Protein backbone atom coordinates (compact mmCIF):
# COMPACT_ATOMS: atom_id res chain seq x y z
CA MET A 1 9.52 -9.51 -13.33
CA SER A 2 12.96 -10.73 -12.29
CA ASP A 3 13.48 -13.26 -9.51
CA ALA A 4 15.32 -10.64 -7.44
CA ALA A 5 12.42 -8.18 -7.72
CA GLN A 6 9.89 -10.85 -6.82
CA ARG A 7 11.99 -11.94 -3.83
CA LEU A 8 12.32 -8.33 -2.60
CA LEU A 9 8.57 -7.75 -2.86
CA SER A 10 7.85 -11.07 -1.13
CA GLU A 11 10.14 -10.10 1.75
CA ASN A 12 8.20 -6.85 2.17
CA LEU A 13 4.67 -8.29 2.20
CA GLY A 14 2.89 -6.79 5.19
CA SER A 15 5.42 -3.94 5.42
CA VAL A 16 5.01 -0.29 4.46
CA VAL A 17 6.34 0.56 1.01
CA LEU A 18 6.57 3.65 -1.17
CA VAL A 19 5.28 3.33 -4.73
CA LYS A 20 6.14 5.96 -7.33
CA LEU A 21 3.67 6.10 -10.20
CA ARG A 22 3.49 7.72 -13.60
CA GLY A 23 2.33 11.31 -13.37
CA ASN A 24 4.62 12.04 -10.38
CA LYS A 25 2.29 10.43 -7.84
CA LEU A 26 3.73 8.87 -4.71
CA LEU A 27 1.78 6.40 -2.59
CA ARG A 28 2.69 4.90 0.78
CA GLY A 29 0.91 1.90 2.25
CA LYS A 30 1.14 -1.65 3.55
CA LEU A 31 1.96 -4.09 0.74
CA LYS A 32 -0.88 -6.60 0.79
CA SER A 33 -0.22 -8.45 -2.48
CA PHE A 34 1.33 -8.29 -5.95
CA ASP A 35 1.52 -10.39 -9.10
CA GLN A 36 3.92 -11.05 -11.98
CA HIS A 37 2.64 -7.95 -13.83
CA LEU A 38 3.48 -5.76 -10.81
CA ASN A 39 -0.18 -5.11 -10.07
CA ILE A 40 -0.09 -4.11 -6.40
CA VAL A 41 -2.61 -3.95 -3.57
CA LEU A 42 -1.84 -1.48 -0.77
CA GLU A 43 -3.77 -1.22 2.50
CA ASP A 44 -4.01 1.99 4.55
CA ALA A 45 -2.57 3.88 1.58
CA ASP A 46 -1.79 7.61 1.55
CA GLU A 47 -1.01 9.81 -1.43
CA ILE A 48 2.05 11.87 -0.53
CA SER A 49 2.39 15.35 -2.03
CA SER A 50 3.99 18.68 -1.21
CA SER A 51 0.71 19.75 0.42
CA GLY A 52 0.69 16.73 2.79
CA ALA A 53 -0.75 13.23 2.87
CA LYS A 54 -4.24 12.30 1.69
CA LYS A 55 -5.82 9.09 3.06
CA LEU A 56 -6.91 6.66 0.35
CA GLY A 57 -7.52 3.39 2.21
CA THR A 58 -7.10 0.18 0.19
CA VAL A 59 -5.97 0.70 -3.40
CA ILE A 60 -5.21 -1.50 -6.38
CA ILE A 61 -2.41 -0.20 -8.60
CA ARG A 62 -2.13 -1.40 -12.17
CA GLY A 63 1.43 -2.58 -12.84
CA GLU A 64 1.92 -0.53 -16.00
CA ASN A 65 1.72 2.64 -13.87
CA VAL A 66 4.43 1.59 -11.39
CA ILE A 67 7.83 3.22 -11.81
CA LEU A 68 9.46 2.30 -8.50
CA VAL A 69 8.70 0.34 -5.32
CA SER A 70 10.82 0.90 -2.21
CA PRO A 71 10.59 -0.16 1.43
CA ALA A 72 9.57 2.86 3.53
CA GLU A 73 11.80 4.18 6.29
CA LYS A 74 11.29 2.56 9.64
CA GLY A 75 10.11 4.77 12.44
C-alpha cells in the first residue's frame, strides 16, 4: 500500500467510509482499523443495495476483496 493511501486511511480512522468490494457489494461503516494488506475492520456496518441497507454490525473485510475505499458524505 502506498504512503498516500495509508495516510488517507489513517486520517479517516473513526470516520464513516464506503467500501466497494468484488461482486458489486458496497459496505458503509466506521473505519475501526486496517493493515498493510488492506484488511479492514468496520463497526456499525451496513450493506448498501438497491433494495435498501442491511445492518451487519462489525465486519472484517479481507484486503484482496477491496476495490475502493472512500470517505462517506457528511450529514
